[in-house]
N, C-alpha and C. Protein backbone atom coordinates (compact mmCIF):
# COMPACT_ATOMS: atom_id res chain seq x y z
N MET A 1 0.89 -1.09 -0.03
CA MET A 1 -0.05 0.03 -0.02
C MET A 1 0.93 1.26 -0.05
N GLN A 2 0.55 2.14 -0.75
CA GLN A 2 1.17 3.48 -0.81
C GLN A 2 0.29 4.43 0.05
N LEU A 3 1.04 5.18 0.83
CA LEU A 3 0.36 6.26 1.65
C LEU A 3 0.34 7.58 0.86
N THR A 4 -0.89 8.08 0.66
CA THR A 4 -1.14 9.36 0.13
C THR A 4 -2.01 10.14 1.14
N PRO A 5 -2.53 11.38 0.64
CA PRO A 5 -3.30 12.09 1.60
C PRO A 5 -4.65 11.47 1.82
N THR A 6 -4.70 10.12 2.10
CA THR A 6 -5.92 9.39 2.04
C THR A 6 -6.87 9.92 3.20
N PRO A 7 -6.31 10.33 4.42
CA PRO A 7 -7.30 10.74 5.46
C PRO A 7 -8.15 11.85 4.96
N LEU A 8 -7.51 12.65 4.23
CA LEU A 8 -8.26 14.02 3.84
C LEU A 8 -9.26 13.49 2.66
N TYR A 9 -8.82 12.65 1.81
CA TYR A 9 -9.81 12.18 0.78
C TYR A 9 -10.85 11.37 1.31
N PHE A 10 -10.47 10.55 2.34
CA PHE A 10 -11.53 9.66 2.97
C PHE A 10 -12.62 10.46 3.71
N ALA A 11 -12.08 11.54 4.26
CA ALA A 11 -12.90 12.60 4.94
C ALA A 11 -13.84 13.22 4.01
N LEU A 12 -13.43 13.35 2.75
CA LEU A 12 -14.23 14.03 1.70
C LEU A 12 -15.36 13.10 1.15
N LEU A 13 -14.98 11.76 1.14
CA LEU A 13 -15.92 10.73 0.80
C LEU A 13 -16.97 10.66 2.02
N LEU A 14 -16.58 10.75 3.24
CA LEU A 14 -17.61 10.75 4.15
C LEU A 14 -18.52 11.84 4.10
N VAL A 15 -17.93 12.99 3.74
CA VAL A 15 -18.80 14.23 3.73
C VAL A 15 -19.73 14.25 2.44
N GLU A 16 -19.30 13.54 1.41
CA GLU A 16 -20.07 13.37 0.19
C GLU A 16 -21.52 12.78 0.69
N PHE A 17 -21.48 11.90 1.70
CA PHE A 17 -22.79 11.40 2.14
C PHE A 17 -23.82 12.42 2.68
N THR A 18 -23.26 13.61 3.07
CA THR A 18 -24.09 14.45 3.65
C THR A 18 -24.45 15.81 2.75
N THR A 19 -24.32 15.65 1.35
CA THR A 19 -24.45 16.77 0.59
C THR A 19 -25.98 17.21 0.60
N GLY A 20 -26.76 16.35 0.82
CA GLY A 20 -28.32 16.70 0.80
C GLY A 20 -28.75 17.13 2.17
N VAL A 21 -27.94 17.18 3.17
CA VAL A 21 -28.18 17.52 4.34
C VAL A 21 -28.02 19.09 4.70
N VAL A 22 -29.09 19.78 5.18
CA VAL A 22 -28.79 21.14 5.36
C VAL A 22 -28.50 21.30 6.96
N GLY A 23 -27.43 22.07 7.20
CA GLY A 23 -27.05 22.20 8.54
C GLY A 23 -25.80 22.98 8.66
N GLN A 24 -25.04 22.88 9.69
CA GLN A 24 -23.85 23.57 9.99
C GLN A 24 -22.58 22.81 9.91
N LEU A 25 -22.64 21.68 9.14
CA LEU A 25 -21.46 20.82 9.01
C LEU A 25 -20.24 21.68 8.38
N ASN A 26 -19.12 21.74 9.11
CA ASN A 26 -17.97 22.23 8.56
C ASN A 26 -16.82 21.25 8.65
N LEU A 27 -15.99 21.02 7.61
CA LEU A 27 -14.82 20.26 7.53
C LEU A 27 -13.70 21.02 7.01
N TRP A 28 -12.63 21.02 7.59
CA TRP A 28 -11.39 21.73 7.12
C TRP A 28 -10.26 20.89 7.49
N ALA A 29 -9.15 21.28 6.75
CA ALA A 29 -7.91 20.76 6.91
C ALA A 29 -7.05 21.82 7.58
N ASP A 30 -6.37 21.39 8.66
CA ASP A 30 -5.62 22.51 9.31
C ASP A 30 -4.34 22.74 8.59
N ARG A 31 -3.53 23.72 8.87
CA ARG A 31 -2.45 24.19 8.35
C ARG A 31 -1.40 23.02 8.16
N ARG A 32 -1.18 22.32 9.32
CA ARG A 32 -0.14 21.25 9.31
C ARG A 32 -0.42 20.12 8.39
N LEU A 33 -1.68 19.82 8.17
CA LEU A 33 -2.27 18.71 7.32
C LEU A 33 -1.89 19.12 6.06
N VAL A 34 -2.29 20.34 5.56
CA VAL A 34 -2.08 20.75 4.17
C VAL A 34 -0.66 20.80 3.91
N ALA A 35 0.13 21.37 4.75
CA ALA A 35 1.61 21.43 4.52
C ALA A 35 2.25 19.90 4.36
N ARG A 36 1.75 18.96 5.18
CA ARG A 36 2.20 17.65 4.99
C ARG A 36 1.87 17.09 3.67
N ILE A 37 0.60 17.30 3.08
CA ILE A 37 0.16 16.92 1.86
C ILE A 37 1.07 17.53 0.83
N ILE A 38 1.35 18.81 0.85
CA ILE A 38 2.06 19.47 -0.19
C ILE A 38 3.59 18.98 -0.12
N GLU A 39 4.04 18.71 1.09
CA GLU A 39 5.45 18.16 1.22
C GLU A 39 5.55 16.78 0.76
N SER A 40 4.45 16.04 0.71
CA SER A 40 4.58 14.55 0.22
C SER A 40 4.40 14.56 -1.41
N ILE A 41 4.04 15.65 -1.96
CA ILE A 41 3.93 15.67 -3.45
C ILE A 41 5.17 15.53 -4.03
N PRO A 42 5.50 14.59 -4.92
CA PRO A 42 6.88 14.45 -5.53
C PRO A 42 7.24 15.64 -6.39
N PRO A 43 8.49 16.07 -6.51
CA PRO A 43 8.81 17.23 -7.19
C PRO A 43 8.86 16.89 -8.76
N ASN A 44 8.45 17.89 -9.50
CA ASN A 44 8.47 17.76 -11.02
C ASN A 44 7.68 16.57 -11.41
N GLY A 45 6.52 16.26 -10.73
CA GLY A 45 5.61 15.23 -11.26
C GLY A 45 6.14 13.94 -11.27
N LYS A 46 7.16 13.62 -10.54
CA LYS A 46 7.72 12.17 -10.50
C LYS A 46 6.67 11.24 -9.91
N ASP A 47 7.09 9.96 -9.96
CA ASP A 47 6.04 8.97 -9.38
C ASP A 47 6.13 8.95 -7.87
N TYR A 48 5.11 8.85 -7.21
CA TYR A 48 5.01 8.78 -5.62
C TYR A 48 5.90 7.75 -5.13
N SER A 49 6.07 6.57 -5.80
CA SER A 49 6.76 5.46 -5.30
C SER A 49 8.31 5.76 -5.06
N SER A 50 8.75 6.80 -5.89
CA SER A 50 10.13 7.14 -5.64
C SER A 50 10.40 7.95 -4.40
N LEU A 51 9.38 8.69 -3.80
CA LEU A 51 9.53 9.55 -2.71
C LEU A 51 9.48 8.63 -1.44
N LYS A 52 10.49 8.62 -0.81
CA LYS A 52 10.64 7.71 0.45
C LYS A 52 10.09 8.48 1.63
N CYS A 53 10.30 9.70 1.85
CA CYS A 53 10.00 10.48 2.95
C CYS A 53 9.73 11.91 2.52
N PRO A 54 8.84 12.49 3.22
CA PRO A 54 8.49 13.93 2.76
C PRO A 54 9.56 14.87 3.03
N ARG A 55 9.81 15.87 2.04
CA ARG A 55 10.91 16.83 2.22
C ARG A 55 10.26 17.94 2.90
N GLN A 56 10.93 18.55 4.03
CA GLN A 56 10.63 19.51 4.81
C GLN A 56 10.54 20.85 4.05
N ARG A 57 9.35 21.58 4.23
CA ARG A 57 9.25 22.90 3.48
C ARG A 57 8.68 23.87 4.54
N PRO A 58 9.40 24.35 5.49
CA PRO A 58 8.87 25.27 6.39
C PRO A 58 8.39 26.64 5.84
N ASP A 59 8.86 26.83 4.67
CA ASP A 59 8.43 28.27 4.03
C ASP A 59 7.00 28.27 3.54
N ILE A 60 6.48 27.02 3.39
CA ILE A 60 5.00 26.93 2.78
C ILE A 60 3.95 27.23 3.73
N THR A 61 4.31 27.15 5.04
CA THR A 61 3.27 27.20 6.13
C THR A 61 2.78 28.64 6.13
N GLN A 62 3.59 29.72 5.92
CA GLN A 62 3.12 31.18 5.83
C GLN A 62 2.03 31.42 4.78
N HIS A 63 2.00 30.48 3.81
CA HIS A 63 1.12 30.78 2.51
C HIS A 63 -0.14 30.03 2.67
N ILE A 64 -0.41 29.15 3.77
CA ILE A 64 -1.53 28.36 3.98
C ILE A 64 -2.37 29.00 5.15
N PRO A 65 -3.63 29.00 4.96
CA PRO A 65 -4.49 29.66 6.03
C PRO A 65 -4.61 28.59 7.19
N PRO A 66 -4.94 29.17 8.39
CA PRO A 66 -4.89 28.26 9.49
C PRO A 66 -5.94 27.06 9.35
N GLN A 67 -7.22 27.39 8.66
CA GLN A 67 -8.01 26.35 8.47
C GLN A 67 -8.46 26.44 6.86
N LEU A 68 -8.35 25.41 6.20
CA LEU A 68 -8.65 25.40 4.70
C LEU A 68 -9.94 24.60 4.64
N PHE A 69 -11.01 25.32 4.52
CA PHE A 69 -12.49 24.79 4.63
C PHE A 69 -12.66 24.06 3.28
N LEU A 70 -13.18 22.74 3.46
CA LEU A 70 -13.59 21.97 2.31
C LEU A 70 -15.31 21.84 2.32
N VAL A 71 -15.91 21.97 3.56
CA VAL A 71 -17.23 22.07 3.58
C VAL A 71 -17.49 23.08 4.63
N LEU A 72 -18.39 23.95 4.23
CA LEU A 72 -18.62 25.25 4.97
C LEU A 72 -20.28 25.40 5.08
N ASN A 73 -20.74 25.48 6.21
CA ASN A 73 -22.21 25.54 6.55
C ASN A 73 -23.05 24.34 5.82
N GLY A 74 -22.37 23.25 5.85
CA GLY A 74 -23.18 22.07 5.25
C GLY A 74 -23.08 21.97 3.78
N HIS A 75 -22.31 22.88 3.19
CA HIS A 75 -22.24 22.73 1.56
C HIS A 75 -20.76 22.44 1.16
N ILE A 76 -20.46 21.44 0.52
CA ILE A 76 -19.10 21.26 -0.12
C ILE A 76 -18.86 22.38 -1.10
N LEU A 77 -17.57 22.86 -0.92
CA LEU A 77 -17.11 24.12 -1.81
C LEU A 77 -17.09 23.55 -3.19
N GLN A 78 -17.40 24.45 -4.11
CA GLN A 78 -17.50 23.93 -5.50
C GLN A 78 -16.29 23.39 -6.04
N GLU A 79 -15.07 23.89 -5.70
CA GLU A 79 -13.80 23.56 -6.10
C GLU A 79 -13.57 22.06 -5.71
N VAL A 80 -13.83 21.84 -4.40
CA VAL A 80 -13.70 20.39 -3.89
C VAL A 80 -14.74 19.49 -4.51
N TYR A 81 -15.98 20.02 -4.73
CA TYR A 81 -16.96 19.16 -5.37
C TYR A 81 -16.51 18.67 -6.80
N ASP A 82 -16.03 19.69 -7.62
CA ASP A 82 -15.55 19.51 -8.92
C ASP A 82 -14.40 18.57 -8.87
N LYS A 83 -13.53 18.72 -7.93
CA LYS A 83 -12.36 17.74 -7.86
C LYS A 83 -12.80 16.26 -7.58
N ILE A 84 -13.83 16.14 -6.81
CA ILE A 84 -14.40 14.78 -6.55
C ILE A 84 -15.10 14.20 -7.69
N LEU A 85 -15.86 15.04 -8.40
CA LEU A 85 -16.50 14.61 -9.65
C LEU A 85 -15.60 14.18 -10.78
N HIS A 86 -14.59 14.93 -10.90
CA HIS A 86 -13.62 14.59 -11.98
C HIS A 86 -12.46 13.62 -11.57
N SER A 87 -12.50 13.17 -10.28
CA SER A 87 -11.43 12.20 -9.78
C SER A 87 -11.74 10.79 -10.28
N VAL A 88 -10.70 10.03 -10.48
CA VAL A 88 -10.73 8.59 -10.85
C VAL A 88 -11.69 7.81 -9.91
N HIS A 89 -11.37 8.31 -8.59
CA HIS A 89 -12.11 7.60 -7.46
C HIS A 89 -13.41 8.27 -7.44
N ARG A 90 -14.53 7.64 -7.59
CA ARG A 90 -15.80 8.15 -7.39
C ARG A 90 -16.31 8.15 -5.84
N PRO A 91 -17.03 9.01 -5.39
CA PRO A 91 -17.52 9.09 -4.02
C PRO A 91 -18.46 7.88 -3.87
N LEU A 92 -18.61 7.41 -2.51
CA LEU A 92 -19.43 6.38 -2.25
C LEU A 92 -20.89 6.87 -2.18
N PRO A 93 -21.74 6.10 -2.64
CA PRO A 93 -23.18 6.52 -2.50
C PRO A 93 -23.76 6.58 -1.11
N PRO A 94 -24.72 7.45 -0.76
CA PRO A 94 -25.15 7.55 0.70
C PRO A 94 -25.71 6.38 1.26
N GLN A 95 -26.16 5.37 0.45
CA GLN A 95 -26.63 4.13 0.96
C GLN A 95 -25.71 3.31 1.70
N ILE A 96 -24.40 3.50 1.50
CA ILE A 96 -23.29 2.69 2.13
C ILE A 96 -23.09 3.12 3.55
N GLU A 97 -23.20 2.24 4.61
CA GLU A 97 -23.07 2.62 5.89
C GLU A 97 -21.90 2.02 6.58
N ILE A 98 -21.27 1.21 5.87
CA ILE A 98 -20.02 0.53 6.38
C ILE A 98 -18.99 0.60 5.21
N ILE A 99 -17.70 0.88 5.46
CA ILE A 99 -16.58 0.88 4.45
C ILE A 99 -15.63 -0.03 5.07
N ARG A 100 -15.25 -1.07 4.20
CA ARG A 100 -14.11 -1.98 4.61
C ARG A 100 -12.88 -1.55 3.81
N LEU A 101 -11.72 -1.58 4.55
CA LEU A 101 -10.55 -1.22 3.75
C LEU A 101 -9.53 -2.38 4.15
N LYS A 102 -8.57 -2.43 3.11
CA LYS A 102 -7.39 -3.37 3.25
C LYS A 102 -6.15 -2.59 3.04
N TRP A 103 -5.30 -2.86 3.97
CA TRP A 103 -3.93 -2.14 3.78
C TRP A 103 -2.79 -3.05 4.17
N ARG A 104 -1.69 -2.71 3.68
CA ARG A 104 -0.29 -3.37 4.05
C ARG A 104 0.76 -2.49 3.78
N ALA A 105 1.66 -2.47 4.73
CA ALA A 105 2.87 -1.67 4.62
C ALA A 105 4.01 -2.41 3.71
N GLY A 106 4.14 -3.75 3.78
CA GLY A 106 5.09 -4.34 3.09
C GLY A 106 6.45 -4.25 3.97
N LEU A 107 7.50 -3.98 3.29
CA LEU A 107 8.78 -3.95 4.04
C LEU A 107 9.03 -2.77 4.73
N GLU A 108 8.28 -1.52 4.42
CA GLU A 108 8.28 -0.24 5.10
C GLU A 108 7.66 -0.20 6.34
N ARG A 109 8.20 0.63 7.21
CA ARG A 109 7.51 0.89 8.58
C ARG A 109 6.74 2.14 8.42
N LEU A 110 5.43 2.01 8.21
CA LEU A 110 4.55 3.09 8.03
C LEU A 110 3.61 3.47 9.31
N THR A 111 3.39 4.52 9.67
CA THR A 111 2.62 4.91 10.81
C THR A 111 1.29 5.52 10.21
N TYR A 112 0.26 5.57 11.12
CA TYR A 112 -0.93 6.24 10.48
C TYR A 112 -1.70 6.87 11.94
N ASN A 113 -2.32 7.88 11.62
CA ASN A 113 -3.06 8.61 12.60
C ASN A 113 -4.42 9.12 12.16
N ILE A 114 -5.52 8.49 12.61
CA ILE A 114 -6.76 8.74 12.14
C ILE A 114 -7.61 9.64 13.25
N SER A 115 -8.06 10.68 12.85
CA SER A 115 -8.81 11.73 13.70
C SER A 115 -10.10 11.95 13.00
N MET A 116 -11.22 11.52 13.43
CA MET A 116 -12.49 11.89 12.81
C MET A 116 -13.48 12.18 13.83
N VAL A 117 -13.89 13.51 13.97
CA VAL A 117 -14.68 14.04 14.97
C VAL A 117 -15.78 14.89 14.33
N SER A 118 -17.02 14.58 14.83
CA SER A 118 -18.08 15.50 14.35
C SER A 118 -18.30 16.57 15.42
N LEU A 119 -18.50 17.76 14.80
CA LEU A 119 -18.69 18.83 15.73
C LEU A 119 -20.33 19.08 16.04
N ASN A 120 -21.07 18.29 15.31
CA ASN A 120 -22.52 18.32 15.50
C ASN A 120 -23.05 16.87 15.44
N LYS A 121 -23.11 16.28 16.72
CA LYS A 121 -23.49 14.81 16.71
C LYS A 121 -24.90 14.57 16.21
N THR A 122 -25.83 15.48 16.10
CA THR A 122 -27.17 15.30 15.65
C THR A 122 -27.00 15.29 14.13
N LEU A 123 -26.21 15.85 13.48
CA LEU A 123 -26.14 15.88 12.09
C LEU A 123 -25.40 14.74 11.50
N LEU A 124 -24.07 14.42 12.16
CA LEU A 124 -23.24 13.41 11.69
C LEU A 124 -22.51 12.83 13.00
N PHE A 125 -22.80 11.61 13.11
CA PHE A 125 -22.12 10.91 14.31
C PHE A 125 -20.66 10.57 14.10
N ASP A 126 -19.78 10.55 15.18
CA ASP A 126 -18.32 10.12 14.97
C ASP A 126 -18.46 8.78 14.22
N PRO A 127 -17.56 8.55 13.20
CA PRO A 127 -17.40 7.23 12.62
C PRO A 127 -16.89 6.19 13.70
N LEU A 128 -17.22 4.97 13.69
CA LEU A 128 -16.74 3.90 14.57
C LEU A 128 -15.61 3.22 13.82
N LEU A 129 -14.46 2.97 14.52
CA LEU A 129 -13.47 2.18 13.87
C LEU A 129 -13.24 0.96 14.63
N ASN A 130 -12.64 -0.05 13.91
CA ASN A 130 -12.33 -1.26 14.51
C ASN A 130 -10.77 -1.27 14.74
N VAL A 131 -10.11 -0.12 14.69
CA VAL A 131 -8.65 0.01 14.59
C VAL A 131 -8.29 1.14 15.61
N ALA A 132 -7.17 1.11 16.29
CA ALA A 132 -6.70 2.27 17.18
C ALA A 132 -6.65 3.57 16.21
N ASN A 133 -6.84 4.56 16.94
CA ASN A 133 -6.78 5.91 16.24
C ASN A 133 -5.24 6.19 15.75
N TYR A 134 -4.25 5.60 16.35
CA TYR A 134 -2.88 5.80 15.73
C TYR A 134 -2.21 4.43 15.90
N GLY A 135 -1.07 4.24 15.05
CA GLY A 135 -0.42 3.01 15.24
C GLY A 135 0.59 2.78 14.05
N ILE A 136 0.80 1.41 13.77
CA ILE A 136 1.76 1.19 12.65
C ILE A 136 0.85 0.32 11.63
N VAL A 137 0.94 0.77 10.38
CA VAL A 137 0.37 -0.15 9.30
C VAL A 137 0.87 -1.48 9.35
N PRO A 138 0.22 -2.54 9.42
CA PRO A 138 0.68 -3.98 9.44
C PRO A 138 1.36 -4.28 8.20
N ALA A 139 2.56 -5.03 8.30
CA ALA A 139 3.35 -5.48 7.19
C ALA A 139 2.54 -6.34 6.23
N MET A 140 1.55 -7.28 6.83
CA MET A 140 0.84 -8.14 6.04
C MET A 140 -0.62 -7.55 5.74
N GLU A 141 -1.23 -7.87 4.80
CA GLU A 141 -2.58 -7.37 4.42
C GLU A 141 -3.50 -7.57 5.70
N SER A 142 -4.07 -6.60 6.02
CA SER A 142 -5.04 -6.60 7.08
C SER A 142 -6.32 -5.65 6.73
N GLY A 143 -7.49 -6.16 7.19
CA GLY A 143 -8.81 -5.41 6.87
C GLY A 143 -9.34 -4.67 8.11
N LYS A 144 -9.78 -3.41 7.69
CA LYS A 144 -10.27 -2.46 8.69
C LYS A 144 -11.69 -2.10 8.28
N ARG A 145 -12.52 -1.60 9.22
CA ARG A 145 -13.84 -1.25 9.05
C ARG A 145 -14.16 0.08 9.65
N VAL A 146 -14.79 0.93 8.76
CA VAL A 146 -15.33 2.27 9.29
C VAL A 146 -16.91 2.16 9.06
N SER A 147 -17.65 2.50 10.12
CA SER A 147 -19.06 2.62 10.01
C SER A 147 -19.65 4.03 10.65
């Protein structure tokens, strides 16, 4: 498995479920997460597999807002929505209540940190995970479930 900005994309998929809901749902990426995503992009459009560890770019944080909103007042921003629609990966339909994932790190030692919190529990419950919020991605293939 190759690690990419999956938590952010996964969160967008979860938010896609709520596009028909009117409310005060807000979803944003903080400055640190956006910086980590930018740092993990390979230079000059090279393949992600050639990038072993992110290069540090402390200069970019001054150009990133403290909170980069993806969903504001219950509505997905048009730029984000267009990106999802034109992506190779299609959003999950709202009828799906459980997502099962498989991952493996292989020979690399990869860590993960999952943080999903709903600011309005009546609108969107916190997702339930059958995995710890942080840890090491297993070397052998392993299944996970998010509901």
